[in-house]
Amino acid sequence: MSPRILIALAVAGIVAFGAGVMFWVVVQPDAPTETPAAAPGSGAARQEHRKRFFGGDPDRDVRGGQEMKPRW
């Protein structure tokens, strides 16, 4: 085979692969219609969950902490 044919086949393969990937990204076969983040729930329940998750432990003293030293 001549080098010209090999280069043309390689370029055609890369273009075909890229087109397949773009088709896959755009079409999204069997994609769920609703994302898990958009699941139904009351705003109060979500707010309570956020408060418990980010609230921390009010009884734990974290003001003194530990001195941060670089590890060289």
C-alpha atoms as a PDB file:
ATOM      1  CA  MET A   1       0.000   0.000   0.000  1.00  0.00           C
ATOM      2  CA  SER A   2       1.168   3.445  -0.741  1.00  0.00           C
ATOM      3  CA  PRO A   3       1.709   5.951   2.068  1.00  0.00           C
ATOM      4  CA  ARG A   4      -0.963   8.201   0.585  1.00  0.00           C
ATOM      5  CA  ILE A   5      -3.628   5.509   0.991  1.00  0.00           C
ATOM      6  CA  LEU A   6      -2.512   4.734   4.549  1.00  0.00           C
ATOM      7  CA  ILE A   7      -2.687   8.399   5.538  1.00  0.00           C
ATOM      8  CA  ALA A   8      -6.118   8.759   3.912  1.00  0.00           C
ATOM      9  CA  LEU A   9      -7.405   5.668   5.757  1.00  0.00           C
ATOM     10  CA  ALA A  10      -6.009   6.931   9.071  1.00  0.00           C
ATOM     11  CA  VAL A  11      -7.597  10.356   8.604  1.00  0.00           C
ATOM     12  CA  ALA A  12     -10.912   8.781   7.576  1.00  0.00           C
ATOM     13  CA  GLY A  13     -10.822   6.540  10.654  1.00  0.00           C
ATOM     14  CA  ILE A  14     -10.120   9.464  12.981  1.00  0.00           C
ATOM     15  CA  VAL A  15     -12.914  11.517  11.403  1.00  0.00           C
ATOM     16  CA  ALA A  16     -15.349   8.602  11.658  1.00  0.00           C
ATOM     17  CA  PHE A  17     -14.439   8.007  15.293  1.00  0.00           C
ATOM     18  CA  GLY A  18     -14.852  11.708  16.095  1.00  0.00           C
ATOM     19  CA  ALA A  19     -18.229  11.787  14.369  1.00  0.00           C
ATOM     20  CA  GLY A  20     -19.326   8.739  16.356  1.00  0.00           C
ATOM     21  CA  VAL A  21     -18.272  10.341  19.630  1.00  0.00           C
ATOM     22  CA  MET A  22     -20.065  13.580  18.777  1.00  0.00           C
ATOM     23  CA  PHE A  23     -23.203  11.628  17.826  1.00  0.00           C
ATOM     24  CA  TRP A  24     -23.039   9.748  21.125  1.00  0.00           C
ATOM     25  CA  VAL A  25     -22.645  12.973  23.112  1.00  0.00           C
ATOM     26  CA  VAL A  26     -25.474  14.773  21.323  1.00  0.00           C
ATOM     27  CA  VAL A  27     -28.011  11.935  21.221  1.00  0.00           C
ATOM     28  CA  GLN A  28     -27.334  10.346  24.652  1.00  0.00           C
ATOM     29  CA  PRO A  29     -29.078   7.011  24.034  1.00  0.00           C
ATOM     30  CA  ASP A  30     -31.097   5.653  26.972  1.00  0.00           C
ATOM     31  CA  ALA A  31     -30.385   8.763  29.002  1.00  0.00           C
ATOM     32  CA  PRO A  32     -32.684   9.277  31.995  1.00  0.00           C
ATOM     33  CA  THR A  33     -35.086  12.163  31.586  1.00  0.00           C
ATOM     34  CA  GLU A  34     -34.703  13.364  35.162  1.00  0.00           C
ATOM     35  CA  THR A  35     -31.398  13.945  36.909  1.00  0.00           C
ATOM     36  CA  PRO A  36     -30.960  12.666  40.480  1.00  0.00           C
ATOM     37  CA  ALA A  37     -30.264  16.205  41.705  1.00  0.00           C
ATOM     38  CA  ALA A  38     -33.697  17.307  40.522  1.00  0.00           C
ATOM     39  CA  ALA A  39     -35.522  14.653  42.534  1.00  0.00           C
ATOM     40  CA  PRO A  40     -38.733  15.849  44.163  1.00  0.00           C
ATOM     41  CA  GLY A  41     -38.610  16.913  47.773  1.00  0.00           C
ATOM     42  CA  SER A  42     -39.672  19.756  49.949  1.00  0.00           C
ATOM     43  CA  GLY A  43     -37.455  22.777  50.326  1.00  0.00           C
ATOM     44  CA  ALA A  44     -37.586  22.462  54.112  1.00  0.00           C
ATOM     45  CA  ALA A  45     -36.244  18.897  53.978  1.00  0.00           C
ATOM     46  CA  ARG A  46     -33.390  19.958  51.710  1.00  0.00           C
ATOM     47  CA  GLN A  47     -32.578  22.907  53.937  1.00  0.00           C
ATOM     48  CA  GLU A  48     -32.534  20.670  57.026  1.00  0.00           C
ATOM     49  CA  HIS A  49     -30.252  18.199  55.254  1.00  0.00           C
ATOM     50  CA  ARG A  50     -27.852  21.003  54.275  1.00  0.00           C
ATOM     51  CA  LYS A  51     -27.890  22.351  57.826  1.00  0.00           C
ATOM     52  CA  ARG A  52     -27.025  18.947  59.297  1.00  0.00           C
ATOM     53  CA  PHE A  53     -24.352  18.290  56.676  1.00  0.00           C
ATOM     54  CA  PHE A  54     -22.559  21.640  56.816  1.00  0.00           C
ATOM     55  CA  GLY A  55     -23.427  22.619  60.380  1.00  0.00           C
ATOM     56  CA  GLY A  56     -20.638  20.722  62.088  1.00  0.00           C
ATOM     57  CA  ASP A  57     -20.417  19.836  65.769  1.00  0.00           C
ATOM     58  CA  PRO A  58     -21.182  22.889  67.946  1.00  0.00           C
ATOM     59  CA  ASP A  59     -19.668  21.192  71.035  1.00  0.00           C
ATOM     60  CA  ARG A  60     -16.245  20.716  69.442  1.00  0.00           C
ATOM     61  CA  ASP A  61     -13.719  23.493  70.074  1.00  0.00           C
ATOM     62  CA  VAL A  62     -11.819  24.149  66.867  1.00  0.00           C
ATOM     63  CA  ARG A  63     -10.493  27.619  67.629  1.00  0.00           C
ATOM     64  CA  GLY A  64      -7.034  26.642  68.883  1.00  0.00           C
ATOM     65  CA  GLY A  65      -6.295  24.130  66.169  1.00  0.00           C
ATOM     66  CA  GLN A  66      -2.898  22.766  65.342  1.00  0.00           C
ATOM     67  CA  GLU A  67      -0.038  24.813  63.955  1.00  0.00           C
ATOM     68  CA  MET A  68       0.493  24.128  60.295  1.00  0.00           C
ATOM     69  CA  LYS A  69       4.109  23.467  59.418  1.00  0.00           C
ATOM     70  CA  PRO A  70       5.454  22.781  55.963  1.00  0.00           C
ATOM     71  CA  ARG A  71       6.880  19.307  55.428  1.00  0.00           C
ATOM     72  CA  TRP A  72      10.076  19.885  53.503  1.00  0.00           C
END
